[in-house]
Amino acid sequence: MPAQPREHTRTYFLGKLAEELEQRGLTVTLRSHPPALRISDPDTVLLAETVDCVPLSEGWFYRWSWGELVGLTDDPALAAERIVHVLAARQ
């Protein structure tokens, strides 16, 4: 079954975030169905988080697996910094 336009949008935004996270030294895997990122620090592979992307009335947002918003998809660099901060705090 071909991906729907919304899935393409999610994958696009998640790809932008993945680039930012990889530039910061994190390991990122894009899951396709449903689109989401599995993010880990290569030094602590057992500690991983999942981030997906959702449309809300104010725009598209990155979202943690527990439902809290990470940030707007318009600023993947800021979202990446927040993710790095959370992962670093858990080490």
PDB file of N, CA and C in Angstrom:
ATOM      1  N   MET A   1       0.846  -1.178   0.000  1.00  0.00           N
ATOM      2  CA  MET A   1       0.000   0.000   0.000  1.00  0.00           C
ATOM      3  C   MET A   1       0.893   1.244   0.000  1.00  0.00           C
ATOM      4  N   PRO A   2       0.699   2.176  -0.919  1.00  0.00           N
ATOM      5  CA  PRO A   2       1.532   3.371  -0.976  1.00  0.00           C
ATOM      6  C   PRO A   2       1.300   4.271   0.238  1.00  0.00           C
ATOM      7  N   ALA A   3       2.358   4.980   0.616  1.00  0.00           N
ATOM      8  CA  ALA A   3       2.263   5.905   1.747  1.00  0.00           C
ATOM      9  C   ALA A   3       1.343   7.068   1.402  1.00  0.00           C
ATOM     10  N   GLN A   4       0.624   7.531   2.382  1.00  0.00           N
ATOM     11  CA  GLN A   4      -0.278   8.665   2.218  1.00  0.00           C
ATOM     12  C   GLN A   4       0.513   9.967   2.353  1.00  0.00           C
ATOM     13  N   PRO A   5      -0.018  11.085   1.837  1.00  0.00           N
ATOM     14  CA  PRO A   5       0.695  12.368   1.928  1.00  0.00           C
ATOM     15  C   PRO A   5       1.105  12.730   3.353  1.00  0.00           C
ATOM     16  N   ARG A   6       0.255  12.450   4.333  1.00  0.00           N
ATOM     17  CA  ARG A   6       0.592  12.760   5.724  1.00  0.00           C
ATOM     18  C   ARG A   6       1.825  11.969   6.166  1.00  0.00           C
ATOM     19  N   GLU A   7       1.927  10.713   5.728  1.00  0.00           N
ATOM     20  CA  GLU A   7       3.090   9.896   6.084  1.00  0.00           C
ATOM     21  C   GLU A   7       4.353  10.446   5.431  1.00  0.00           C
ATOM     22  N   HIS A   8       4.232  10.949   4.201  1.00  0.00           N
ATOM     23  CA  HIS A   8       5.380  11.573   3.540  1.00  0.00           C
ATOM     24  C   HIS A   8       5.827  12.807   4.307  1.00  0.00           C
ATOM     25  N   THR A   9       4.869  13.598   4.784  1.00  0.00           N
ATOM     26  CA  THR A   9       5.195  14.796   5.558  1.00  0.00           C
ATOM     27  C   THR A   9       5.913  14.412   6.841  1.00  0.00           C
ATOM     28  N   ARG A  10       5.400  13.408   7.538  1.00  0.00           N
ATOM     29  CA  ARG A  10       6.056  12.941   8.770  1.00  0.00           C
ATOM     30  C   ARG A  10       7.486  12.498   8.479  1.00  0.00           C
ATOM     31  N   THR A  11       7.649  11.698   7.452  1.00  0.00           N
ATOM     32  CA  THR A  11       8.973  11.187   7.112  1.00  0.00           C
ATOM     33  C   THR A  11       9.924  12.324   6.763  1.00  0.00           C
ATOM     34  N   TYR A  12       9.446  13.323   6.052  1.00  0.00           N
ATOM     35  CA  TYR A  12      10.270  14.480   5.701  1.00  0.00           C
ATOM     36  C   TYR A  12      10.750  15.195   6.960  1.00  0.00           C
ATOM     37  N   PHE A  13       9.829  15.526   7.861  1.00  0.00           N
ATOM     38  CA  PHE A  13      10.206  16.241   9.082  1.00  0.00           C
ATOM     39  C   PHE A  13      11.116  15.396   9.970  1.00  0.00           C
ATOM     40  N   LEU A  14      10.840  14.111  10.068  1.00  0.00           N
ATOM     41  CA  LEU A  14      11.694  13.236  10.873  1.00  0.00           C
ATOM     42  C   LEU A  14      13.086  13.122  10.263  1.00  0.00           C
ATOM     43  N   GLY A  15      13.169  13.132   8.943  1.00  0.00           N
ATOM     44  CA  GLY A  15      14.472  13.112   8.277  1.00  0.00           C
ATOM     45  C   GLY A  15      15.291  14.347   8.599  1.00  0.00           C
ATOM     46  N   LYS A  16      14.640  15.518   8.652  1.00  0.00           N
ATOM     47  CA  LYS A  16      15.335  16.761   9.015  1.00  0.00           C
ATOM     48  C   LYS A  16      15.862  16.677  10.447  1.00  0.00           C
ATOM     49  N   LEU A  17      15.054  16.139  11.351  1.00  0.00           N
ATOM     50  CA  LEU A  17      15.486  15.986  12.738  1.00  0.00           C
ATOM     51  C   LEU A  17      16.617  14.968  12.837  1.00  0.00           C
ATOM     52  N   ALA A  18      16.525  13.884  12.089  1.00  0.00           N
ATOM     53  CA  ALA A  18      17.578  12.865  12.105  1.00  0.00           C
ATOM     54  C   ALA A  18      18.922  13.456  11.703  1.00  0.00           C
ATOM     55  N   GLU A  19      18.935  14.302  10.687  1.00  0.00           N
ATOM     56  CA  GLU A  19      20.182  14.960  10.265  1.00  0.00           C
ATOM     57  C   GLU A  19      20.780  15.771  11.405  1.00  0.00           C
ATOM     58  N   GLU A  20      19.952  16.538  12.091  1.00  0.00           N
ATOM     59  CA  GLU A  20      20.428  17.366  13.210  1.00  0.00           C
ATOM     60  C   GLU A  20      20.981  16.502  14.341  1.00  0.00           C
ATOM     61  N   LEU A  21      20.292  15.412  14.643  1.00  0.00           N
ATOM     62  CA  LEU A  21      20.735  14.536  15.729  1.00  0.00           C
ATOM     63  C   LEU A  21      22.034  13.821  15.379  1.00  0.00           C
ATOM     64  N   GLU A  22      22.166  13.367  14.141  1.00  0.00           N
ATOM     65  CA  GLU A  22      23.398  12.700  13.718  1.00  0.00           C
ATOM     66  C   GLU A  22      24.576  13.662  13.751  1.00  0.00           C
ATOM     67  N   GLN A  23      24.356  14.936  13.418  1.00  0.00           N
ATOM     68  CA  GLN A  23      25.424  15.934  13.505  1.00  0.00           C
ATOM     69  C   GLN A  23      25.887  16.120  14.943  1.00  0.00           C
ATOM     70  N   ARG A  24      25.043  15.790  15.904  1.00  0.00           N
ATOM     71  CA  ARG A  24      25.372  15.914  17.318  1.00  0.00           C
ATOM     72  C   ARG A  24      25.891  14.599  17.899  1.00  0.00           C
ATOM     73  N   GLY A  25      26.131  13.619  17.035  1.00  0.00           N
ATOM     74  CA  GLY A  25      26.753  12.372  17.461  1.00  0.00           C
ATOM     75  C   GLY A  25      25.821  11.282  17.940  1.00  0.00           C
ATOM     76  N   LEU A  26      24.524  11.451  17.767  1.00  0.00           N
ATOM     77  CA  LEU A  26      23.588  10.422  18.198  1.00  0.00           C
ATOM     78  C   LEU A  26      23.325   9.425  17.074  1.00  0.00           C
ATOM     79  N   THR A  27      22.904   8.239  17.457  1.00  0.00           N
ATOM     80  CA  THR A  27      22.522   7.205  16.503  1.00  0.00           C
ATOM     81  C   THR A  27      21.012   7.298  16.295  1.00  0.00           C
ATOM     82  N   VAL A  28      20.599   7.332  15.040  1.00  0.00           N
ATOM     83  CA  VAL A  28      19.183   7.525  14.722  1.00  0.00           C
ATOM     84  C   VAL A  28      18.743   6.487  13.693  1.00  0.00           C
ATOM     85  N   THR A  29      17.611   5.855  13.960  1.00  0.00           N
ATOM     86  CA  THR A  29      17.014   4.915  13.019  1.00  0.00           C
ATOM     87  C   THR A  29      15.597   5.384  12.714  1.00  0.00           C
ATOM     88  N   LEU A  30      15.284   5.523  11.435  1.00  0.00           N
ATOM     89  CA  LEU A  30      13.936   5.920  11.019  1.00  0.00           C
ATOM     90  C   LEU A  30      13.091   4.674  10.818  1.00  0.00           C
ATOM     91  N   ARG A  31      12.064   4.560  11.621  1.00  0.00           N
ATOM     92  CA  ARG A  31      11.090   3.475  11.482  1.00  0.00           C
ATOM     93  C   ARG A  31      10.033   3.952  10.494  1.00  0.00           C
ATOM     94  N   SER A  32       9.579   3.072   9.608  1.00  0.00           N
ATOM     95  CA  SER A  32       8.680   3.527   8.546  1.00  0.00           C
ATOM     96  C   SER A  32       7.190   3.420   8.861  1.00  0.00           C
ATOM     97  N   HIS A  33       6.758   2.441   9.607  1.00  0.00           N
ATOM     98  CA  HIS A  33       5.311   2.266   9.836  1.00  0.00           C
ATOM     99  C   HIS A  33       5.009   2.044  11.301  1.00  0.00           C
ATOM    100  N   PRO A  34       4.503   2.995  12.005  1.00  0.00           N
ATOM    101  CA  PRO A  34       4.329   4.395  11.619  1.00  0.00           C
ATOM    102  C   PRO A  34       5.667   5.119  11.677  1.00  0.00           C
ATOM    103  N   PRO A  35       5.814   6.198  10.924  1.00  0.00           N
ATOM    104  CA  PRO A  35       7.084   6.923  10.914  1.00  0.00           C
ATOM    105  C   PRO A  35       7.450   7.444  12.309  1.00  0.00           C
ATOM    106  N   ALA A  36       8.656   7.121  12.740  1.00  0.00           N
ATOM    107  CA  ALA A  36       9.174   7.572  14.032  1.00  0.00           C
ATOM    108  C   ALA A  36      10.682   7.378  14.025  1.00  0.00           C
ATOM    109  N   LEU A  37      11.365   8.101  14.918  1.00  0.00           N
ATOM    110  CA  LEU A  37      12.807   7.953  15.063  1.00  0.00           C
ATOM    111  C   LEU A  37      13.118   7.225  16.358  1.00  0.00           C
ATOM    112  N   ARG A  38      14.034   6.273  16.284  1.00  0.00           N
ATOM    113  CA  ARG A  38      14.604   5.658  17.483  1.00  0.00           C
ATOM    114  C   ARG A  38      15.958   6.329  17.649  1.00  0.00           C
ATOM    115  N   ILE A  39      16.176   6.963  18.790  1.00  0.00           N
ATOM    116  CA  ILE A  39      17.351   7.795  19.010  1.00  0.00           C
ATOM    117  C   ILE A  39      18.119   7.260  20.207  1.00  0.00           C
ATOM    118  N   SER A  40      19.437   7.113  20.037  1.00  0.00           N
ATOM    119  CA  SER A  40      20.269   6.674  21.155  1.00  0.00           C
ATOM    120  C   SER A  40      21.649   7.299  21.058  1.00  0.00           C
ATOM    121  N   ASP A  41      22.318   7.308  22.189  1.00  0.00           N
ATOM    122  CA  ASP A  41      23.711   7.731  22.251  1.00  0.00           C
ATOM    123  C   ASP A  41      24.542   6.479  21.988  1.00  0.00           C
ATOM    124  N   PRO A  42      25.514   6.525  21.075  1.00  0.00           N
ATOM    125  CA  PRO A  42      26.293   5.321  20.775  1.00  0.00           C
ATOM    126  C   PRO A  42      27.019   4.756  21.992  1.00  0.00           C
ATOM    127  N   ASP A  43      27.279   5.585  22.994  1.00  0.00           N
ATOM    128  CA  ASP A  43      27.961   5.115  24.201  1.00  0.00           C
ATOM    129  C   ASP A  43      27.013   4.442  25.181  1.00  0.00           C
ATOM    130  N   THR A  44      25.721   4.665  25.030  1.00  0.00           N
ATOM    131  CA  THR A  44      24.720   4.061  25.914  1.00  0.00           C
ATOM    132  C   THR A  44      23.554   3.555  25.077  1.00  0.00           C
ATOM    133  N   VAL A  45      23.819   2.573  24.248  1.00  0.00           N
ATOM    134  CA  VAL A  45      22.830   2.079  23.282  1.00  0.00           C
ATOM    135  C   VAL A  45      21.556   1.573  23.966  1.00  0.00           C
ATOM    136  N   LEU A  46      21.676   1.062  25.179  1.00  0.00           N
ATOM    137  CA  LEU A  46      20.490   0.548  25.858  1.00  0.00           C
ATOM    138  C   LEU A  46      19.515   1.656  26.242  1.00  0.00           C
ATOM    139  N   LEU A  47      20.009   2.889  26.296  1.00  0.00           N
ATOM    140  CA  LEU A  47      19.149   4.029  26.584  1.00  0.00           C
ATOM    141  C   LEU A  47      18.734   4.654  25.261  1.00  0.00           C
ATOM    142  N   ALA A  48      17.480   4.473  24.900  1.00  0.00           N
ATOM    143  CA  ALA A  48      16.986   5.000  23.623  1.00  0.00           C
ATOM    144  C   ALA A  48      15.624   5.641  23.841  1.00  0.00           C
ATOM    145  N   GLU A  49      15.305   6.579  22.986  1.00  0.00           N
ATOM    146  CA  GLU A  49      14.005   7.238  23.015  1.00  0.00           C
ATOM    147  C   GLU A  49      13.400   7.186  21.614  1.00  0.00           C
ATOM    148  N   THR A  50      12.092   7.307  21.573  1.00  0.00           N
ATOM    149  CA  THR A  50      11.378   7.359  20.307  1.00  0.00           C
ATOM    150  C   THR A  50      10.700   8.716  20.181  1.00  0.00           C
ATOM    151  N   VAL A  51      10.839   9.321  19.010  1.00  0.00           N
ATOM    152  CA  VAL A  51      10.206  10.603  18.718  1.00  0.00           C
ATOM    153  C   VAL A  51       9.428  10.441  17.417  1.00  0.00           C
ATOM    154  N   ASP A  52       8.192  10.923  17.427  1.00  0.00           N
ATOM    155  CA  ASP A  52       7.415  10.924  16.193  1.00  0.00           C
ATOM    156  C   ASP A  52       7.035  12.360  15.851  1.00  0.00           C
ATOM    157  N   CYS A  53       6.125  12.519  14.935  1.00  0.00           N
ATOM    158  CA  CYS A  53       5.778  13.834  14.411  1.00  0.00           C
ATOM    159  C   CYS A  53       4.265  13.873  14.211  1.00  0.00           C
ATOM    160  N   VAL A  54       3.626  14.926  14.731  1.00  0.00           N
ATOM    161  CA  VAL A  54       2.166  14.992  14.663  1.00  0.00           C
ATOM    162  C   VAL A  54       1.688  16.370  14.203  1.00  0.00           C
ATOM    163  N   PRO A  55       0.579  16.397  13.447  1.00  0.00           N
ATOM    164  CA  PRO A  55      -0.009  17.684  13.072  1.00  0.00           C
ATOM    165  C   PRO A  55      -0.992  18.138  14.153  1.00  0.00           C
ATOM    166  N   LEU A  56      -0.849  19.380  14.571  1.00  0.00           N
ATOM    167  CA  LEU A  56      -1.785  19.994  15.512  1.00  0.00           C
ATOM    168  C   LEU A  56      -2.295  21.291  14.891  1.00  0.00           C
ATOM    169  N   SER A  57      -3.200  21.951  15.538  1.00  0.00           N
ATOM    170  CA  SER A  57      -3.782  23.165  14.953  1.00  0.00           C
ATOM    171  C   SER A  57      -2.743  24.262  14.729  1.00  0.00           C
ATOM    172  N   GLU A  58      -1.657  24.281  15.528  1.00  0.00           N
ATOM    173  CA  GLU A  58      -0.617  25.306  15.391  1.00  0.00           C
ATOM    174  C   GLU A  58       0.477  24.920  14.401  1.00  0.00           C
ATOM    175  N   GLY A  59       0.402  23.728  13.841  1.00  0.00           N
ATOM    176  CA  GLY A  59       1.424  23.254  12.909  1.00  0.00           C
ATOM    177  C   GLY A  59       1.858  21.837  13.242  1.00  0.00           C
ATOM    178  N   TRP A  60       2.978  21.423  12.651  1.00  0.00           N
ATOM    179  CA  TRP A  60       3.534  20.086  12.896  1.00  0.00           C
ATOM    180  C   TRP A  60       4.528  20.167  14.048  1.00  0.00           C
ATOM    181  N   PHE A  61       4.491  19.139  14.910  1.00  0.00           N
ATOM    182  CA  PHE A  61       5.358  19.100  16.084  1.00  0.00           C
ATOM    183  C   PHE A  61       6.057  17.750  16.194  1.00  0.00           C
ATOM    184  N   TYR A  62       7.278  17.780  16.751  1.00  0.00           N
ATOM    185  CA  TYR A  62       7.943  16.552  17.176  1.00  0.00           C
ATOM    186  C   TYR A  62       7.378  16.208  18.549  1.00  0.00           C
ATOM    187  N   ARG A  63       7.233  14.890  18.814  1.00  0.00           N
ATOM    188  CA  ARG A  63       6.605  14.457  20.061  1.00  0.00           C
ATOM    189  C   ARG A  63       7.337  13.241  20.631  1.00  0.00           C
ATOM    190  N   TRP A  64       7.575  13.267  21.941  1.00  0.00           N
ATOM    191  CA  TRP A  64       8.162  12.124  22.644  1.00  0.00           C
ATOM    192  C   TRP A  64       7.194  10.946  22.639  1.00  0.00           C
ATOM    193  N   SER A  65       7.707   9.765  22.919  1.00  0.00           N
ATOM    194  CA  SER A  65       6.871   8.561  22.955  1.00  0.00           C
ATOM    195  C   SER A  65       5.802   8.639  24.041  1.00  0.00           C
ATOM    196  N   TRP A  66       6.022   9.428  25.084  1.00  0.00           N
ATOM    197  CA  TRP A  66       5.038   9.545  26.162  1.00  0.00           C
ATOM    198  C   TRP A  66       4.018  10.662  25.907  1.00  0.00           C
ATOM    199  N   GLY A  67       4.100  11.316  24.732  1.00  0.00           N
ATOM    200  CA  GLY A  67       3.086  12.275  24.327  1.00  0.00           C
ATOM    201  C   GLY A  67       3.441  13.739  24.497  1.00  0.00           C
ATOM    202  N   GLU A  68       4.487  14.045  25.244  1.00  0.00           N
ATOM    203  CA  GLU A  68       4.893  15.444  25.432  1.00  0.00           C
ATOM    204  C   GLU A  68       5.539  15.971  24.153  1.00  0.00           C
ATOM    205  N   LEU A  69       5.242  17.223  23.820  1.00  0.00           N
ATOM    206  CA  LEU A  69       5.811  17.821  22.615  1.00  0.00           C
ATOM    207  C   LEU A  69       7.272  18.201  22.840  1.00  0.00           C
ATOM    208  N   VAL A  70       8.095  17.945  21.821  1.00  0.00           N
ATOM    209  CA  VAL A  70       9.508  18.341  21.846  1.00  0.00           C
ATOM    210  C   VAL A  70       9.642  19.752  21.294  1.00  0.00           C
ATOM    211  N   GLY A  71       8.978  20.027  20.178  1.00  0.00           N
ATOM    212  CA  GLY A  71       9.050  21.342  19.563  1.00  0.00           C
ATOM    213  C   GLY A  71       8.489  21.323  18.158  1.00  0.00           C
ATOM    214  N   LEU A  72       8.389  22.506  17.585  1.00  0.00           N
ATOM    215  CA  LEU A  72       7.886  22.658  16.220  1.00  0.00           C
ATOM    216  C   LEU A  72       8.842  22.046  15.197  1.00  0.00           C
ATOM    217  N   THR A  73       8.284  21.483  14.154  1.00  0.00           N
ATOM    218  CA  THR A  73       9.119  20.932  13.087  1.00  0.00           C
ATOM    219  C   THR A  73       9.799  22.029  12.277  1.00  0.00           C
ATOM    220  N   ASP A  74       9.346  23.277  12.434  1.00  0.00           N
ATOM    221  CA  ASP A  74       9.990  24.405  11.747  1.00  0.00           C
ATOM    222  C   ASP A  74      11.415  24.636  12.231  1.00  0.00           C
ATOM    223  N   ASP A  75      11.760  24.104  13.416  1.00  0.00           N
ATOM    224  CA  ASP A  75      13.093  24.310  13.988  1.00  0.00           C
ATOM    225  C   ASP A  75      13.675  22.983  14.472  1.00  0.00           C
ATOM    226  N   PRO A  76      14.110  22.115  13.532  1.00  0.00           N
ATOM    227  CA  PRO A  76      14.643  20.823  13.943  1.00  0.00           C
ATOM    228  C   PRO A  76      15.921  20.939  14.777  1.00  0.00           C
ATOM    229  N   ALA A  77      16.683  22.016  14.600  1.00  0.00           N
ATOM    230  CA  ALA A  77      17.905  22.197  15.396  1.00  0.00           C
ATOM    231  C   ALA A  77      17.560  22.382  16.872  1.00  0.00           C
ATOM    232  N   LEU A  78      16.551  23.174  17.168  1.00  0.00           N
ATOM    233  CA  LEU A  78      16.134  23.377  18.553  1.00  0.00           C
ATOM    234  C   LEU A  78      15.588  22.081  19.141  1.00  0.00           C
ATOM    235  N   ALA A  79      14.797  21.356  18.375  1.00  0.00           N
ATOM    236  CA  ALA A  79      14.268  20.072  18.843  1.00  0.00           C
ATOM    237  C   ALA A  79      15.412  19.103  19.130  1.00  0.00           C
ATOM    238  N   ALA A  80      16.424  19.087  18.271  1.00  0.00           N
ATOM    239  CA  ALA A  80      17.578  18.209  18.477  1.00  0.00           C
ATOM    240  C   ALA A  80      18.304  18.569  19.765  1.00  0.00           C
ATOM    241  N   GLU A  81      18.474  19.855  20.041  1.00  0.00           N
ATOM    242  CA  GLU A  81      19.129  20.279  21.282  1.00  0.00           C
ATOM    243  C   GLU A  81      18.342  19.803  22.496  1.00  0.00           C
ATOM    244  N   ARG A  82      17.043  19.898  22.441  1.00  0.00           N
ATOM    245  CA  ARG A  82      16.206  19.433  23.557  1.00  0.00           C
ATOM    246  C   ARG A  82      16.346  17.926  23.753  1.00  0.00           C
ATOM    247  N   ILE A  83      16.388  17.188  22.666  1.00  0.00           N
ATOM    248  CA  ILE A  83      16.534  15.730  22.750  1.00  0.00           C
ATOM    249  C   ILE A  83      17.898  15.372  23.325  1.00  0.00           C
ATOM    250  N   VAL A  84      18.949  16.028  22.855  1.00  0.00           N
ATOM    251  CA  VAL A  84      20.298  15.789  23.381  1.00  0.00           C
ATOM    252  C   VAL A  84      20.315  16.056  24.880  1.00  0.00           C
ATOM    253  N   HIS A  85      19.689  17.130  25.306  1.00  0.00           N
ATOM    254  CA  HIS A  85      19.651  17.500  26.726  1.00  0.00           C
ATOM    255  C   HIS A  85      18.961  16.413  27.555  1.00  0.00           C
ATOM    256  N   VAL A  86      17.832  15.914  27.075  1.00  0.00           N
ATOM    257  CA  VAL A  86      17.101  14.879  27.810  1.00  0.00           C
ATOM    258  C   VAL A  86      17.904  13.585  27.869  1.00  0.00           C
ATOM    259  N   LEU A  87      18.492  13.179  26.756  1.00  0.00           N
ATOM    260  CA  LEU A  87      19.287  11.945  26.762  1.00  0.00           C
ATOM    261  C   LEU A  87      20.504  12.077  27.666  1.00  0.00           C
ATOM    262  N   ALA A  88      21.143  13.243  27.676  1.00  0.00           N
ATOM    263  CA  ALA A  88      22.316  13.457  28.526  1.00  0.00           C
ATOM    264  C   ALA A  88      21.932  13.399  30.004  1.00  0.00           C
ATOM    265  N   ALA A  89      20.761  13.894  30.346  1.00  0.00           N
ATOM    266  CA  ALA A  89      20.314  13.896  31.739  1.00  0.00           C
ATOM    267  C   ALA A  89      20.027  12.491  32.247  1.00  0.00           C
ATOM    268  N   ARG A  90      19.758  11.573  31.351  1.00  0.00           N
ATOM    269  CA  ARG A  90      19.423  10.195  31.743  1.00  0.00           C
ATOM    270  C   ARG A  90      20.645   9.295  31.858  1.00  0.00           C
ATOM    271  N   GLN A  91      21.804   9.786  31.482  1.00  0.00           N
ATOM    272  CA  GLN A  91      23.006   8.938  31.540  1.00  0.00           C
ATOM    273  C   GLN A  91      23.544   8.851  32.944  1.00  0.00           C
TER     274      GLN A  91
END
